[in-house]
Amino acid sequence: MTAWMTLTTKRRQVAIAGRVIEAVTKQAIAGAIIQIEQSPDKFQQRLKLKALQVGDRPIEHLDQSVSAIDGCFYFLDLPAGDYRLTASLPGTGTRYETVTTAPLTVSKNAKGNMETEIVEITLPTTALTGTVMGDGKPVSMARIQIEGSSISTFSNADGTYLLTGLEVWQSTSPKQSPRPSVQVFAKAYPPVAQGVQLKQGELTTLNFELKAQRSETNSSEPSPNSS
């Protein structure tokens, strides 16, 4: 008599799903690491058991996810309970700040199906914004550049500009300025520059007022109408 083995497929369920976006532009961020920092005891026991099973072999990170190109991520089959997530963007220095979510509650309904917890994570970025005015009017297409770098942008029709994902300036020698210089180049105006102190994960405002360069007249030369 032949014994038959019946195989059943367990449907995996999404417990937590979300999306990572940049705080200023609201654009999706790919490659962000989303880590479970706080979890119920049952999940902690699962992590310990997994570590014992794999030994020195590479381990599947049950407590970690990576955002896709559209910024989306998810965690599957989590035990019920409260969780906290942290999100960071590795390899970007001081251009972004790590952020921690509010508590997220994973639960199941009366039918035993997972109630997916949806979360949007806003990742703070080090950014610079402001307006460029010339003789009291907005200056469009002015080029705003971080001195000594290729980082630049242009002002829009309202004179507004925005630079995101900036590194916080750190002097490497006493001769260097403690603050980076931001330069503005605009048609019909002489270049100007201002220092600025950036803070990691914060949006800093720096406005510019340009003055048109006027030609000097020789006051000693008589006017055509003088007698």
N, C-alpha and C. Protein backbone atom coordinates (compact mmCIF):
# COMPACT_ATOMS: atom_id res chain seq x y z
N MET A 1 0.85 -1.18 0.00
CA MET A 1 0.00 0.00 0.00
C MET A 1 0.89 1.23 0.00
N THR A 2 0.57 2.11 -0.87
CA THR A 2 1.39 3.32 -1.01
C THR A 2 0.80 4.44 -0.18
N ALA A 3 1.66 5.07 0.59
CA ALA A 3 1.19 6.21 1.40
C ALA A 3 1.42 7.49 0.62
N TRP A 4 0.43 8.31 0.62
CA TRP A 4 0.52 9.59 -0.09
C TRP A 4 0.68 10.72 0.92
N MET A 5 1.54 11.64 0.58
CA MET A 5 1.75 12.80 1.45
C MET A 5 1.03 14.00 0.84
N THR A 6 0.23 14.64 1.61
CA THR A 6 -0.50 15.81 1.14
C THR A 6 0.27 17.07 1.51
N LEU A 7 0.60 17.86 0.50
CA LEU A 7 1.31 19.11 0.72
C LEU A 7 0.35 20.27 0.65
N THR A 8 0.42 21.15 1.60
CA THR A 8 -0.42 22.35 1.60
C THR A 8 0.47 23.58 1.52
N THR A 9 -0.03 24.58 0.82
CA THR A 9 0.71 25.84 0.66
C THR A 9 0.13 26.89 1.60
N LYS A 10 1.00 27.45 2.40
CA LYS A 10 0.57 28.49 3.32
C LYS A 10 0.69 29.85 2.65
N ARG A 11 -0.39 30.58 2.61
CA ARG A 11 -0.38 31.90 2.00
C ARG A 11 0.23 32.91 2.96
N ARG A 12 1.30 33.55 2.48
CA ARG A 12 1.97 34.54 3.32
C ARG A 12 1.17 35.84 3.30
N GLN A 13 1.19 36.54 4.43
CA GLN A 13 0.38 37.74 4.56
C GLN A 13 1.28 38.94 4.91
N VAL A 14 0.93 40.07 4.33
CA VAL A 14 1.66 41.31 4.60
C VAL A 14 1.18 41.90 5.92
N ALA A 15 2.11 42.04 6.87
CA ALA A 15 1.75 42.58 8.18
C ALA A 15 1.92 44.10 8.22
N ILE A 16 3.06 44.58 7.71
CA ILE A 16 3.33 46.02 7.65
C ILE A 16 3.78 46.34 6.23
N ALA A 17 3.20 47.37 5.65
CA ALA A 17 3.60 47.83 4.32
C ALA A 17 3.70 49.34 4.35
N GLY A 18 4.58 49.88 3.53
CA GLY A 18 4.72 51.33 3.54
C GLY A 18 5.55 51.85 2.39
N ARG A 19 5.89 53.12 2.51
CA ARG A 19 6.64 53.81 1.46
C ARG A 19 7.53 54.84 2.13
N VAL A 20 8.75 54.99 1.60
CA VAL A 20 9.70 55.97 2.12
C VAL A 20 9.80 57.11 1.11
N ILE A 21 9.60 58.35 1.59
CA ILE A 21 9.68 59.51 0.73
C ILE A 21 10.61 60.56 1.35
N GLU A 22 11.12 61.47 0.52
CA GLU A 22 11.96 62.56 1.02
C GLU A 22 11.07 63.64 1.63
N ALA A 23 11.52 64.22 2.72
CA ALA A 23 10.70 65.16 3.47
C ALA A 23 10.36 66.42 2.68
N VAL A 24 11.29 66.91 1.87
CA VAL A 24 11.08 68.19 1.19
C VAL A 24 10.38 68.03 -0.15
N THR A 25 10.89 67.15 -1.01
CA THR A 25 10.35 67.00 -2.36
C THR A 25 9.19 66.02 -2.43
N LYS A 26 9.02 65.18 -1.40
CA LYS A 26 7.99 64.14 -1.36
C LYS A 26 8.20 63.07 -2.42
N GLN A 27 9.41 62.96 -2.95
CA GLN A 27 9.71 61.94 -3.94
C GLN A 27 10.10 60.62 -3.25
N ALA A 28 9.83 59.51 -3.95
CA ALA A 28 10.15 58.19 -3.40
C ALA A 28 11.66 58.02 -3.25
N ILE A 29 12.05 57.31 -2.21
CA ILE A 29 13.46 57.01 -1.96
C ILE A 29 13.69 55.52 -2.05
N ALA A 30 14.56 55.11 -2.96
CA ALA A 30 14.92 53.71 -3.11
C ALA A 30 16.18 53.40 -2.31
N GLY A 31 16.30 52.16 -1.84
CA GLY A 31 17.49 51.74 -1.13
C GLY A 31 17.54 52.12 0.33
N ALA A 32 16.45 52.64 0.88
CA ALA A 32 16.42 52.94 2.31
C ALA A 32 16.31 51.64 3.10
N ILE A 33 17.01 51.57 4.23
CA ILE A 33 16.96 50.40 5.11
C ILE A 33 15.89 50.65 6.17
N ILE A 34 14.91 49.76 6.22
CA ILE A 34 13.85 49.87 7.23
C ILE A 34 14.07 48.72 8.22
N GLN A 35 14.32 49.08 9.45
CA GLN A 35 14.68 48.12 10.49
C GLN A 35 13.61 48.08 11.58
N ILE A 36 13.25 46.86 12.00
CA ILE A 36 12.35 46.72 13.15
C ILE A 36 13.17 46.91 14.42
N GLU A 37 12.92 47.99 15.13
CA GLU A 37 13.69 48.32 16.33
C GLU A 37 12.98 47.87 17.60
N GLN A 38 11.67 47.88 17.55
CA GLN A 38 10.88 47.46 18.72
C GLN A 38 9.85 46.45 18.26
N SER A 39 9.70 45.34 18.99
CA SER A 39 8.79 44.27 18.58
C SER A 39 8.36 43.47 19.80
N PRO A 40 7.28 42.70 19.68
CA PRO A 40 6.83 41.87 20.82
C PRO A 40 7.78 40.70 21.07
N ASP A 41 7.66 40.09 22.25
CA ASP A 41 8.55 38.99 22.64
C ASP A 41 8.49 37.82 21.67
N LYS A 42 7.33 37.55 21.13
CA LYS A 42 7.17 36.41 20.22
C LYS A 42 8.05 36.58 18.98
N PHE A 43 8.17 37.81 18.51
CA PHE A 43 9.01 38.07 17.33
C PHE A 43 10.48 37.98 17.71
N GLN A 44 10.84 38.46 18.90
CA GLN A 44 12.22 38.35 19.37
C GLN A 44 12.65 36.88 19.47
N GLN A 45 11.76 36.03 19.93
CA GLN A 45 12.05 34.60 20.01
C GLN A 45 12.25 34.00 18.62
N ARG A 46 11.47 34.48 17.66
CA ARG A 46 11.62 33.99 16.29
C ARG A 46 12.99 34.36 15.73
N LEU A 47 13.46 35.56 16.02
CA LEU A 47 14.78 35.99 15.54
C LEU A 47 15.89 35.13 16.15
N LYS A 48 15.78 34.82 17.44
CA LYS A 48 16.79 33.99 18.11
C LYS A 48 16.81 32.58 17.54
N LEU A 49 15.63 32.04 17.27
CA LEU A 49 15.53 30.69 16.71
C LEU A 49 16.14 30.65 15.31
N LYS A 50 15.88 31.68 14.51
CA LYS A 50 16.43 31.75 13.17
C LYS A 50 17.95 31.79 13.21
N ALA A 51 18.51 32.56 14.14
CA ALA A 51 19.96 32.67 14.27
C ALA A 51 20.58 31.31 14.65
N LEU A 52 19.90 30.54 15.50
CA LEU A 52 20.41 29.22 15.88
C LEU A 52 20.36 28.25 14.71
N GLN A 53 19.35 28.38 13.86
CA GLN A 53 19.18 27.46 12.74
C GLN A 53 20.25 27.65 11.67
N VAL A 54 20.63 28.88 11.40
CA VAL A 54 21.55 29.16 10.29
C VAL A 54 23.01 29.15 10.73
N GLY A 55 23.27 29.33 12.01
CA GLY A 55 24.66 29.33 12.48
C GLY A 55 25.46 30.46 11.85
N ASP A 56 26.60 30.11 11.21
CA ASP A 56 27.46 31.12 10.59
C ASP A 56 27.07 31.45 9.17
N ARG A 57 26.05 30.80 8.64
CA ARG A 57 25.63 31.07 7.28
C ARG A 57 24.92 32.41 7.20
N PRO A 58 24.88 33.02 5.99
CA PRO A 58 24.16 34.29 5.84
C PRO A 58 22.71 34.12 6.28
N ILE A 59 22.23 35.09 7.04
CA ILE A 59 20.89 35.00 7.59
C ILE A 59 19.92 35.90 6.83
N GLU A 60 18.71 35.38 6.65
CA GLU A 60 17.64 36.20 6.07
C GLU A 60 17.20 37.20 7.14
N HIS A 61 17.24 38.47 6.82
CA HIS A 61 16.92 39.48 7.82
C HIS A 61 15.40 39.61 7.97
N LEU A 62 14.85 38.87 8.92
CA LEU A 62 13.42 38.94 9.16
C LEU A 62 12.99 40.29 9.70
N ASP A 63 13.93 41.00 10.30
CA ASP A 63 13.62 42.29 10.93
C ASP A 63 14.08 43.47 10.08
N GLN A 64 14.34 43.24 8.78
CA GLN A 64 14.85 44.32 7.94
C GLN A 64 14.25 44.23 6.54
N SER A 65 13.98 45.40 5.96
CA SER A 65 13.47 45.48 4.59
C SER A 65 14.18 46.64 3.89
N VAL A 66 14.19 46.60 2.56
CA VAL A 66 14.82 47.65 1.76
C VAL A 66 13.78 48.22 0.81
N SER A 67 13.68 49.54 0.74
CA SER A 67 12.68 50.17 -0.12
C SER A 67 13.04 49.97 -1.60
N ALA A 68 12.03 49.71 -2.41
CA ALA A 68 12.20 49.50 -3.85
C ALA A 68 12.30 50.85 -4.56
N ILE A 69 12.37 50.80 -5.90
CA ILE A 69 12.54 52.03 -6.68
C ILE A 69 11.38 53.00 -6.48
N ASP A 70 10.20 52.47 -6.14
CA ASP A 70 9.05 53.33 -5.88
C ASP A 70 8.92 53.70 -4.41
N GLY A 71 9.96 53.34 -3.62
CA GLY A 71 9.98 53.67 -2.20
C GLY A 71 9.22 52.70 -1.32
N CYS A 72 8.60 51.66 -1.91
CA CYS A 72 7.74 50.76 -1.13
C CYS A 72 8.55 49.65 -0.45
N PHE A 73 8.03 49.18 0.67
CA PHE A 73 8.63 48.07 1.43
C PHE A 73 7.52 47.33 2.15
N TYR A 74 7.86 46.15 2.71
CA TYR A 74 6.86 45.40 3.47
C TYR A 74 7.54 44.38 4.38
N PHE A 75 6.79 43.92 5.39
CA PHE A 75 7.19 42.84 6.28
C PHE A 75 6.07 41.81 6.28
N LEU A 76 6.45 40.52 6.21
CA LEU A 76 5.47 39.44 6.10
C LEU A 76 5.33 38.66 7.41
N ASP A 77 4.09 38.21 7.66
CA ASP A 77 3.80 37.23 8.71
C ASP A 77 4.38 37.59 10.08
N LEU A 78 4.18 38.80 10.51
CA LEU A 78 4.67 39.20 11.83
C LEU A 78 3.67 38.79 12.91
N PRO A 79 4.15 38.38 14.08
CA PRO A 79 3.24 38.11 15.19
C PRO A 79 2.50 39.39 15.59
N ALA A 80 1.32 39.22 16.14
CA ALA A 80 0.54 40.38 16.59
C ALA A 80 1.29 41.11 17.70
N GLY A 81 1.13 42.43 17.71
CA GLY A 81 1.79 43.23 18.74
C GLY A 81 2.20 44.58 18.22
N ASP A 82 2.92 45.32 19.03
CA ASP A 82 3.35 46.67 18.68
C ASP A 82 4.79 46.66 18.16
N TYR A 83 5.01 47.46 17.11
CA TYR A 83 6.33 47.54 16.47
C TYR A 83 6.71 49.00 16.27
N ARG A 84 8.00 49.25 16.23
CA ARG A 84 8.55 50.54 15.81
C ARG A 84 9.59 50.27 14.72
N LEU A 85 9.61 51.12 13.70
CA LEU A 85 10.56 50.99 12.61
C LEU A 85 11.48 52.20 12.57
N THR A 86 12.72 51.97 12.15
CA THR A 86 13.61 53.08 11.84
C THR A 86 13.98 52.99 10.36
N ALA A 87 14.16 54.15 9.74
CA ALA A 87 14.53 54.21 8.32
C ALA A 87 15.78 55.07 8.17
N SER A 88 16.71 54.59 7.35
CA SER A 88 17.94 55.33 7.10
C SER A 88 18.37 55.07 5.66
N LEU A 89 19.26 55.92 5.16
CA LEU A 89 19.78 55.75 3.80
C LEU A 89 21.29 55.61 3.92
N PRO A 90 21.80 54.37 3.91
CA PRO A 90 23.24 54.15 4.13
C PRO A 90 24.08 54.72 3.00
N GLY A 91 25.32 55.10 3.36
CA GLY A 91 26.26 55.58 2.36
C GLY A 91 26.04 57.00 1.90
N THR A 92 25.20 57.75 2.61
CA THR A 92 24.92 59.13 2.19
C THR A 92 25.47 60.16 3.16
N GLY A 93 26.30 59.75 4.09
CA GLY A 93 26.91 60.70 5.01
C GLY A 93 25.88 61.47 5.83
N THR A 94 25.99 62.80 5.76
CA THR A 94 25.07 63.66 6.53
C THR A 94 23.94 64.20 5.67
N ARG A 95 23.72 63.60 4.50
CA ARG A 95 22.70 64.13 3.59
C ARG A 95 21.28 63.80 4.03
N TYR A 96 21.14 62.75 4.85
CA TYR A 96 19.83 62.37 5.36
C TYR A 96 19.95 62.02 6.84
N GLU A 97 18.82 62.12 7.54
CA GLU A 97 18.78 61.80 8.96
C GLU A 97 17.97 60.52 9.15
N THR A 98 18.35 59.74 10.14
CA THR A 98 17.58 58.54 10.49
C THR A 98 16.31 58.95 11.22
N VAL A 99 15.21 58.24 10.94
CA VAL A 99 13.93 58.59 11.55
C VAL A 99 13.29 57.33 12.10
N THR A 100 12.54 57.48 13.22
CA THR A 100 11.84 56.37 13.85
C THR A 100 10.33 56.63 13.80
N THR A 101 9.57 55.61 13.48
CA THR A 101 8.12 55.77 13.37
C THR A 101 7.46 55.76 14.74
N ALA A 102 6.21 56.17 14.76
CA ALA A 102 5.37 55.97 15.94
C ALA A 102 5.04 54.48 16.05
N PRO A 103 4.53 54.02 17.19
CA PRO A 103 4.19 52.59 17.34
C PRO A 103 3.19 52.14 16.28
N LEU A 104 3.43 50.96 15.72
CA LEU A 104 2.54 50.35 14.73
C LEU A 104 1.99 49.06 15.32
N THR A 105 0.69 48.86 15.21
CA THR A 105 0.06 47.69 15.81
C THR A 105 -0.33 46.68 14.73
N VAL A 106 0.23 45.48 14.84
CA VAL A 106 -0.10 44.37 13.93
C VAL A 106 -1.16 43.50 14.62
N SER A 107 -2.23 43.19 13.89
CA SER A 107 -3.31 42.38 14.48
C SER A 107 -3.99 41.54 13.40
N LYS A 108 -4.84 40.62 13.84
CA LYS A 108 -5.62 39.78 12.94
C LYS A 108 -7.10 40.00 13.19
N ASN A 109 -7.90 39.82 12.12
CA ASN A 109 -9.34 39.99 12.27
C ASN A 109 -9.99 38.69 12.76
N ALA A 110 -11.31 38.69 12.81
CA ALA A 110 -12.04 37.55 13.36
C ALA A 110 -11.82 36.28 12.54
N LYS A 111 -11.47 36.42 11.26
CA LYS A 111 -11.24 35.27 10.39
C LYS A 111 -9.79 34.78 10.44
N GLY A 112 -8.99 35.45 11.23
CA GLY A 112 -7.60 35.05 11.35
C GLY A 112 -6.69 35.62 10.29
N ASN A 113 -7.21 36.55 9.49
CA ASN A 113 -6.41 37.20 8.45
C ASN A 113 -5.70 38.43 8.99
N MET A 114 -4.51 38.66 8.49
CA MET A 114 -3.70 39.79 8.94
C MET A 114 -4.31 41.12 8.51
N GLU A 115 -4.40 42.04 9.44
CA GLU A 115 -4.82 43.40 9.12
C GLU A 115 -3.56 44.21 8.82
N THR A 116 -3.32 44.50 7.56
CA THR A 116 -2.08 45.16 7.16
C THR A 116 -2.01 46.58 7.70
N GLU A 117 -0.90 46.88 8.38
CA GLU A 117 -0.65 48.22 8.90
C GLU A 117 0.10 49.01 7.83
N ILE A 118 -0.46 50.14 7.40
CA ILE A 118 0.13 50.96 6.35
C ILE A 118 0.81 52.17 6.97
N VAL A 119 2.06 52.44 6.54
CA VAL A 119 2.79 53.57 7.10
C VAL A 119 3.58 54.27 6.00
N GLU A 120 3.61 55.59 6.04
CA GLU A 120 4.46 56.38 5.14
C GLU A 120 5.57 57.00 5.98
N ILE A 121 6.80 56.72 5.60
CA ILE A 121 7.95 57.22 6.35
C ILE A 121 8.58 58.38 5.59
N THR A 122 8.66 59.52 6.26
CA THR A 122 9.25 60.71 5.65
C THR A 122 10.68 60.85 6.15
N LEU A 123 11.65 60.74 5.23
CA LEU A 123 13.06 60.77 5.61
C LEU A 123 13.58 62.21 5.53
N PRO A 124 14.00 62.78 6.68
CA PRO A 124 14.51 64.16 6.66
C PRO A 124 15.78 64.28 5.84
N THR A 125 15.87 65.34 5.03
CA THR A 125 17.05 65.57 4.20
C THR A 125 17.68 66.91 4.55
N THR A 126 18.99 66.98 4.40
CA THR A 126 19.71 68.24 4.59
C THR A 126 19.51 69.07 3.33
N ALA A 127 18.84 70.21 3.45
CA ALA A 127 18.43 70.96 2.27
C ALA A 127 18.58 72.46 2.48
N LEU A 128 18.62 73.17 1.35
CA LEU A 128 18.76 74.62 1.35
C LEU A 128 17.74 75.21 0.40
N THR A 129 17.02 76.24 0.84
CA THR A 129 16.03 76.89 0.00
C THR A 129 16.08 78.39 0.23
N GLY A 130 15.39 79.14 -0.62
CA GLY A 130 15.35 80.59 -0.47
C GLY A 130 14.87 81.24 -1.75
N THR A 131 14.96 82.56 -1.79
CA THR A 131 14.56 83.31 -2.98
C THR A 131 15.70 84.22 -3.42
N VAL A 132 15.75 84.47 -4.71
CA VAL A 132 16.72 85.39 -5.29
C VAL A 132 15.95 86.59 -5.83
N MET A 133 16.20 87.76 -5.25
CA MET A 133 15.53 89.00 -5.66
C MET A 133 16.55 89.95 -6.26
N GLY A 134 16.13 90.67 -7.28
CA GLY A 134 16.99 91.68 -7.89
C GLY A 134 16.29 93.01 -7.95
N ASP A 135 16.80 93.99 -7.19
CA ASP A 135 16.15 95.32 -7.10
C ASP A 135 14.68 95.18 -6.76
N GLY A 136 14.39 94.27 -5.83
CA GLY A 136 13.03 94.11 -5.33
C GLY A 136 12.14 93.19 -6.13
N LYS A 137 12.65 92.60 -7.22
CA LYS A 137 11.83 91.72 -8.06
C LYS A 137 12.46 90.32 -8.11
N PRO A 138 11.62 89.28 -8.26
CA PRO A 138 12.17 87.92 -8.35
C PRO A 138 13.07 87.76 -9.57
N VAL A 139 14.17 87.06 -9.40
CA VAL A 139 15.10 86.80 -10.50
C VAL A 139 14.99 85.32 -10.86
N SER A 140 14.55 85.05 -12.09
CA SER A 140 14.45 83.67 -12.56
C SER A 140 15.73 83.26 -13.28
N MET A 141 15.97 81.96 -13.34
CA MET A 141 17.13 81.38 -14.03
C MET A 141 18.47 81.86 -13.47
N ALA A 142 18.48 82.29 -12.22
CA ALA A 142 19.75 82.57 -11.54
C ALA A 142 20.35 81.22 -11.13
N ARG A 143 21.65 81.08 -11.26
CA ARG A 143 22.31 79.82 -10.90
C ARG A 143 22.83 79.92 -9.47
N ILE A 144 22.38 79.01 -8.64
CA ILE A 144 22.81 78.95 -7.23
C ILE A 144 23.72 77.74 -7.09
N GLN A 145 24.92 77.97 -6.60
CA GLN A 145 25.93 76.90 -6.55
C GLN A 145 26.67 76.91 -5.23
N ILE A 146 26.94 75.70 -4.72
CA ILE A 146 27.79 75.56 -3.55
C ILE A 146 29.24 75.71 -4.01
N GLU A 147 29.93 76.70 -3.46
CA GLU A 147 31.29 77.00 -3.90
C GLU A 147 32.21 75.79 -3.76
N GLY A 148 33.01 75.56 -4.80
CA GLY A 148 33.96 74.46 -4.78
C GLY A 148 33.36 73.10 -5.08
N SER A 149 32.12 73.07 -5.57
CA SER A 149 31.47 71.81 -5.90
C SER A 149 30.68 71.98 -7.19
N SER A 150 30.15 70.86 -7.69
CA SER A 150 29.31 70.89 -8.89
C SER A 150 27.83 70.94 -8.53
N ILE A 151 27.53 71.08 -7.25
CA ILE A 151 26.12 71.11 -6.80
C ILE A 151 25.53 72.48 -7.11
N SER A 152 24.51 72.50 -7.95
CA SER A 152 23.89 73.77 -8.33
C SER A 152 22.45 73.55 -8.75
N THR A 153 21.72 74.63 -8.83
CA THR A 153 20.34 74.61 -9.32
C THR A 153 20.02 75.99 -9.86
N PHE A 154 18.80 76.17 -10.39
CA PHE A 154 18.38 77.45 -10.94
C PHE A 154 17.10 77.91 -10.25
N SER A 155 16.96 79.20 -10.10
CA SER A 155 15.74 79.76 -9.51
C SER A 155 14.60 79.69 -10.52
N ASN A 156 13.38 79.56 -10.02
CA ASN A 156 12.22 79.49 -10.90
C ASN A 156 11.66 80.89 -11.15
N ALA A 157 10.46 80.97 -11.73
CA ALA A 157 9.87 82.27 -12.09
C ALA A 157 9.61 83.15 -10.88
N ASP A 158 9.45 82.53 -9.71
CA ASP A 158 9.22 83.29 -8.48
C ASP A 158 10.53 83.64 -7.77
N GLY A 159 11.66 83.25 -8.38
CA GLY A 159 12.95 83.50 -7.75
C GLY A 159 13.31 82.47 -6.70
N THR A 160 12.49 81.43 -6.54
CA THR A 160 12.71 80.42 -5.51
C THR A 160 13.66 79.32 -6.01
N TYR A 161 14.49 78.81 -5.12
CA TYR A 161 15.38 77.71 -5.46
C TYR A 161 15.35 76.66 -4.35
N LEU A 162 15.83 75.45 -4.67
CA LEU A 162 15.87 74.37 -3.70
C LEU A 162 17.02 73.44 -4.02
N LEU A 163 17.82 73.14 -3.01
CA LEU A 163 18.90 72.15 -3.11
C LEU A 163 18.69 71.13 -2.00
N THR A 164 18.59 69.86 -2.35
CA THR A 164 18.38 68.81 -1.34
C THR A 164 19.52 67.80 -1.37
N GLY A 165 19.57 66.97 -0.33
CA GLY A 165 20.60 65.95 -0.24
C GLY A 165 22.00 66.52 -0.13
N LEU A 166 22.15 67.57 0.68
CA LEU A 166 23.45 68.24 0.82
C LEU A 166 24.24 67.64 1.99
N GLU A 167 25.54 67.70 1.88
CA GLU A 167 26.41 67.31 2.99
C GLU A 167 26.60 68.48 3.94
N VAL A 168 26.62 68.21 5.22
CA VAL A 168 26.93 69.24 6.21
C VAL A 168 28.42 69.55 6.12
N TRP A 169 28.74 70.82 5.98
CA TRP A 169 30.13 71.24 5.80
C TRP A 169 30.94 70.98 7.05
N GLN A 170 32.11 70.40 6.86
CA GLN A 170 33.03 70.16 7.97
C GLN A 170 34.43 70.61 7.55
N SER A 171 34.98 71.57 8.27
CA SER A 171 36.32 72.08 7.95
C SER A 171 37.37 71.01 8.24
N THR A 172 38.32 70.88 7.33
CA THR A 172 39.39 69.90 7.51
C THR A 172 40.70 70.54 7.94
N SER A 173 40.74 71.88 7.99
CA SER A 173 41.93 72.59 8.42
C SER A 173 41.53 73.95 8.99
N PRO A 174 42.36 74.54 9.86
CA PRO A 174 42.03 75.84 10.44
C PRO A 174 41.90 76.96 9.40
N LYS A 175 42.52 76.77 8.23
CA LYS A 175 42.47 77.80 7.20
C LYS A 175 41.15 77.79 6.43
N GLN A 176 40.40 76.69 6.52
CA GLN A 176 39.14 76.61 5.81
C GLN A 176 38.04 77.36 6.56
N SER A 177 37.09 77.89 5.78
CA SER A 177 35.94 78.56 6.37
C SER A 177 35.09 77.56 7.13
N PRO A 178 34.55 77.93 8.31
CA PRO A 178 33.71 77.00 9.06
C PRO A 178 32.35 76.79 8.41
N ARG A 179 32.03 77.63 7.39
CA ARG A 179 30.74 77.50 6.72
C ARG A 179 30.96 77.49 5.20
N PRO A 180 30.17 76.71 4.45
CA PRO A 180 30.30 76.73 3.00
C PRO A 180 29.76 78.04 2.44
N SER A 181 30.25 78.44 1.29
CA SER A 181 29.79 79.65 0.64
C SER A 181 28.85 79.27 -0.50
N VAL A 182 27.72 79.96 -0.56
CA VAL A 182 26.74 79.74 -1.62
C VAL A 182 26.80 80.92 -2.58
N GLN A 183 27.04 80.63 -3.85
CA GLN A 183 27.21 81.68 -4.85
C GLN A 183 25.98 81.77 -5.75
N VAL A 184 25.70 82.99 -6.20
CA VAL A 184 24.59 83.23 -7.12
C VAL A 184 25.10 83.98 -8.34
N PHE A 185 24.76 83.46 -9.51
CA PHE A 185 25.13 84.08 -10.77
C PHE A 185 23.85 84.36 -11.56
N ALA A 186 23.66 85.61 -11.96
CA ALA A 186 22.46 85.98 -12.70
C ALA A 186 22.80 87.04 -13.74
N LYS A 187 22.12 86.97 -14.86
CA LYS A 187 22.34 87.92 -15.94
C LYS A 187 22.01 89.34 -15.49
N ALA A 188 22.90 90.28 -15.82
CA ALA A 188 22.74 91.71 -15.50
C ALA A 188 23.04 92.03 -14.04
N TYR A 189 23.53 91.04 -13.28
CA TYR A 189 23.86 91.30 -11.88
C TYR A 189 25.26 90.75 -11.60
N PRO A 190 26.02 91.45 -10.78
CA PRO A 190 27.33 90.90 -10.40
C PRO A 190 27.13 89.70 -9.47
N PRO A 191 28.05 88.72 -9.49
CA PRO A 191 27.93 87.55 -8.61
C PRO A 191 27.96 87.96 -7.14
N VAL A 192 27.22 87.21 -6.33
CA VAL A 192 27.24 87.43 -4.88
C VAL A 192 27.44 86.08 -4.20
N ALA A 193 27.86 86.11 -2.94
CA ALA A 193 28.09 84.88 -2.18
C ALA A 193 27.76 85.13 -0.71
N GLN A 194 27.22 84.11 -0.06
CA GLN A 194 26.94 84.16 1.37
C GLN A 194 27.33 82.83 2.01
N GLY A 195 27.76 82.90 3.24
CA GLY A 195 28.02 81.68 4.00
C GLY A 195 26.74 81.15 4.60
N VAL A 196 26.69 79.84 4.84
CA VAL A 196 25.49 79.25 5.43
C VAL A 196 25.91 78.07 6.31
N GLN A 197 25.20 77.89 7.42
CA GLN A 197 25.46 76.77 8.31
C GLN A 197 24.32 75.76 8.16
N LEU A 198 24.62 74.61 7.57
CA LEU A 198 23.60 73.58 7.37
C LEU A 198 23.53 72.67 8.58
N LYS A 199 22.35 72.08 8.81
CA LYS A 199 22.15 71.12 9.88
C LYS A 199 21.59 69.84 9.29
N GLN A 200 22.12 68.71 9.72
CA GLN A 200 21.72 67.42 9.17
C GLN A 200 20.23 67.18 9.33
N GLY A 201 19.59 66.84 8.21
CA GLY A 201 18.17 66.52 8.23
C GLY A 201 17.26 67.71 8.35
N GLU A 202 17.78 68.93 8.19
CA GLU A 202 16.94 70.12 8.33
C GLU A 202 16.96 70.96 7.06
N LEU A 203 15.87 71.72 6.85
CA LEU A 203 15.75 72.64 5.72
C LEU A 203 16.15 74.04 6.18
N THR A 204 17.20 74.59 5.57
CA THR A 204 17.72 75.91 5.92
C THR A 204 17.33 76.92 4.84
N THR A 205 16.97 78.12 5.25
CA THR A 205 16.57 79.17 4.31
C THR A 205 17.69 80.20 4.17
N LEU A 206 18.03 80.53 2.93
CA LEU A 206 19.05 81.54 2.63
C LEU A 206 18.57 82.35 1.44
N ASN A 207 18.24 83.62 1.68
CA ASN A 207 17.75 84.51 0.63
C ASN A 207 18.87 85.40 0.10
N PHE A 208 18.70 85.85 -1.14
CA PHE A 208 19.69 86.71 -1.78
C PHE A 208 19.00 87.95 -2.35
N GLU A 209 19.65 89.11 -2.20
CA GLU A 209 19.19 90.38 -2.78
C GLU A 209 20.29 90.88 -3.70
N LEU A 210 20.01 90.90 -4.99
CA LEU A 210 21.00 91.32 -5.99
C LEU A 210 20.77 92.79 -6.35
N LYS A 211 21.85 93.45 -6.68
CA LYS A 211 21.80 94.85 -7.13
C LYS A 211 22.41 94.94 -8.52
N ALA A 212 21.66 95.54 -9.44
CA ALA A 212 22.15 95.67 -10.81
C ALA A 212 23.39 96.54 -10.85
N GLN A 213 24.31 96.18 -11.74
CA GLN A 213 25.55 96.94 -11.88
C GLN A 213 25.30 98.11 -12.83
N ARG A 214 25.43 99.33 -12.31
CA ARG A 214 25.16 100.52 -13.11
C ARG A 214 26.46 101.20 -13.49
N SER A 215 26.51 101.71 -14.72
CA SER A 215 27.72 102.39 -15.19
C SER A 215 27.85 103.74 -14.51
N GLU A 216 29.10 104.10 -14.18
CA GLU A 216 29.36 105.37 -13.51
C GLU A 216 29.48 106.49 -14.54
N THR A 217 28.95 107.65 -14.23
CA THR A 217 29.04 108.83 -15.11
C THR A 217 30.07 109.80 -14.56
N ASN A 218 30.72 110.44 -15.44
CA ASN A 218 31.74 111.42 -15.04
C ASN A 218 31.06 112.73 -14.71
N SER A 219 31.00 113.08 -13.44
CA SER A 219 30.29 114.29 -13.01
C SER A 219 30.95 115.56 -13.50
N SER A 220 32.26 115.50 -13.84
CA SER A 220 32.94 116.71 -14.28
C SER A 220 32.66 117.03 -15.73
N GLU A 221 32.10 116.06 -16.48
CA GLU A 221 31.81 116.31 -17.90
C GLU A 221 30.48 117.04 -18.02
N PRO A 222 30.44 118.19 -18.70
CA PRO A 222 29.18 118.94 -18.81
C PRO A 222 28.12 118.17 -19.59
N SER A 223 26.85 118.35 -19.21
CA SER A 223 25.76 117.69 -19.91
C SER A 223 25.51 118.39 -21.24
N PRO A 224 24.91 117.71 -22.26
CA PRO A 224 24.66 118.32 -23.55
C PRO A 224 23.79 119.55 -23.51
N ASN A 225 22.95 119.67 -22.46
CA ASN A 225 22.03 120.80 -22.37
C ASN A 225 22.61 121.98 -21.61
N SER A 226 23.83 121.84 -21.09
CA SER A 226 24.40 122.93 -20.31
C SER A 226 24.91 124.00 -21.26
N SER A 227 24.87 125.23 -20.86
CA SER A 227 25.29 126.35 -21.69
C SER A 227 26.75 126.68 -21.42
